[in-house]
C-alpha atoms as a PDB file:
ATOM      1  CA  UNK A   1      -0.121   2.419   5.955  1.00  0.00           C
ATOM      2  CA  UNK A   2       2.589   1.840   3.378  1.00  0.00           C
ATOM      3  CA  UNK A   3       3.743   4.793   1.004  1.00  0.00           C
ATOM      4  CA  UNK A   4       5.874   3.922  -1.755  1.00  0.00           C
ATOM      5  CA  UNK A   5       7.628   6.686  -3.838  1.00  0.00           C
ATOM      6  CA  UNK A   6      10.335   6.508  -6.237  1.00  0.00           C
ATOM      7  CA  UNK A   7      13.329   6.864  -3.560  1.00  0.00           C
ATOM      8  CA  UNK A   8      11.968   5.194  -0.392  1.00  0.00           C
ATOM      9  CA  UNK A   9       8.994   3.241   1.079  1.00  0.00           C
ATOM     10  CA  UNK A  10       7.450   4.887   4.349  1.00  0.00           C
ATOM     11  CA  UNK A  11       5.262   2.994   6.810  1.00  0.00           C
ATOM     12  CA  UNK A  12       3.367   5.236   8.897  1.00  0.00           C
ATOM     13  CA  UNK A  13       0.238   5.014  11.162  1.00  0.00           C
ATOM     14  CA  UNK A  14      -2.626   7.122  10.203  1.00  0.00           C
ATOM     15  CA  UNK A  15      -6.149   7.732  11.067  1.00  0.00           C
ATOM     16  CA  UNK A  16      -8.512   8.063   8.251  1.00  0.00           C
ATOM     17  CA  UNK A  17      -7.096  11.146   5.902  1.00  0.00           C
ATOM     18  CA  UNK A  18      -8.136  12.020   2.481  1.00  0.00           C
ATOM     19  CA  UNK A  19      -5.407  11.816  -0.463  1.00  0.00           C
ATOM     20  CA  UNK A  20      -5.227  15.607  -0.538  1.00  0.00           C
ATOM     21  CA  UNK A  21      -4.446  15.939   2.985  1.00  0.00           C
ATOM     22  CA  UNK A  22      -1.879  13.294   3.140  1.00  0.00           C
ATOM     23  CA  UNK A  23      -0.278  14.882  -0.127  1.00  0.00           C
ATOM     24  CA  UNK A  24      -0.233  18.585   0.953  1.00  0.00           C
ATOM     25  CA  UNK A  25      -0.155  18.284   4.737  1.00  0.00           C
ATOM     26  CA  UNK A  26       2.114  15.469   5.652  1.00  0.00           C
ATOM     27  CA  UNK A  27       4.003  14.798   2.720  1.00  0.00           C
ATOM     28  CA  UNK A  28       4.119  18.532   1.845  1.00  0.00           C
ATOM     29  CA  UNK A  29       3.991  18.037  -1.915  1.00  0.00           C
ATOM     30  CA  UNK A  30       1.632  19.921  -4.645  1.00  0.00           C
ATOM     31  CA  UNK A  31      -1.342  17.669  -5.453  1.00  0.00           C
ATOM     32  CA  UNK A  32      -1.204  18.700  -8.835  1.00  0.00           C
ATOM     33  CA  UNK A  33       2.137  17.365  -9.327  1.00  0.00           C
ATOM     34  CA  UNK A  34       1.477  13.559  -8.223  1.00  0.00           C
ATOM     35  CA  UNK A  35      -0.695  10.712  -8.946  1.00  0.00           C
ATOM     36  CA  UNK A  36      -1.682   8.514  -6.104  1.00  0.00           C
ATOM     37  CA  UNK A  37      -2.278   4.844  -6.954  1.00  0.00           C
ATOM     38  CA  UNK A  38      -3.672   1.998  -4.688  1.00  0.00           C
ATOM     39  CA  UNK A  39      -1.274  -0.818  -5.027  1.00  0.00           C
ATOM     40  CA  UNK A  40      -3.942  -3.214  -4.273  1.00  0.00           C
ATOM     41  CA  UNK A  41      -6.318  -2.401  -6.718  1.00  0.00           C
ATOM     42  CA  UNK A  42      -3.893  -0.822  -9.108  1.00  0.00           C
ATOM     43  CA  UNK A  43      -6.355   2.108  -9.701  1.00  0.00           C
ATOM     44  CA  UNK A  44      -5.841   5.974  -9.442  1.00  0.00           C
ATOM     45  CA  UNK A  45      -7.180   7.345  -6.205  1.00  0.00           C
ATOM     46  CA  UNK A  46      -8.990  10.672  -6.173  1.00  0.00           C
ATOM     47  CA  UNK A  47      -8.311  13.882  -4.130  1.00  0.00           C
ATOM     48  CA  UNK A  48     -11.282  12.972  -1.831  1.00  0.00           C
ATOM     49  CA  UNK A  49     -10.690   9.501  -1.348  1.00  0.00           C
ATOM     50  CA  UNK A  50     -10.460   8.586   2.362  1.00  0.00           C
ATOM     51  CA  UNK A  51      -7.358   6.445   3.055  1.00  0.00           C
ATOM     52  CA  UNK A  52      -7.266   4.216   5.830  1.00  0.00           C
ATOM     53  CA  UNK A  53      -4.290   2.613   7.707  1.00  0.00           C
ATOM     54  CA  UNK A  54      -4.400  -0.711   5.988  1.00  0.00           C
ATOM     55  CA  UNK A  55      -3.967   0.936   2.597  1.00  0.00           C
ATOM     56  CA  UNK A  56      -0.889   0.463   0.534  1.00  0.00           C
ATOM     57  CA  UNK A  57      -0.236   3.605  -2.093  1.00  0.00           C
ATOM     58  CA  UNK A  58       2.120   4.560  -4.596  1.00  0.00           C
ATOM     59  CA  UNK A  59       2.931   8.271  -5.055  1.00  0.00           C
ATOM     60  CA  UNK A  60       4.256   9.110  -8.635  1.00  0.00           C
ATOM     61  CA  UNK A  61       5.477  12.455  -9.735  1.00  0.00           C
ATOM     62  CA  UNK A  62       4.044  13.759 -12.859  1.00  0.00           C
ATOM     63  CA  UNK A  63       5.747  14.995 -15.858  1.00  0.00           C
ATOM     64  CA  UNK A  64       4.597  17.333 -18.333  1.00  0.00           C
ATOM     65  CA  UNK A  65       6.039  18.997 -21.238  1.00  0.00           C
ATOM     66  CA  UNK A  66       5.536  21.644 -23.839  1.00  0.00           C
END
């Protein structure tokens, strides 16, 4: 799997994992602060979507102001 962030691209072999588990457990990010985008289909992935090793995703930080 390829994971693109603003700073770098990470290639990691994974078993099937949900978006939420990848964000919280592997990347140690708050799932409320990021969007996960499927780069092949250019769509936002829901937290329960099951990622596969052949997926390529982009992690974007969400910024909110008041």
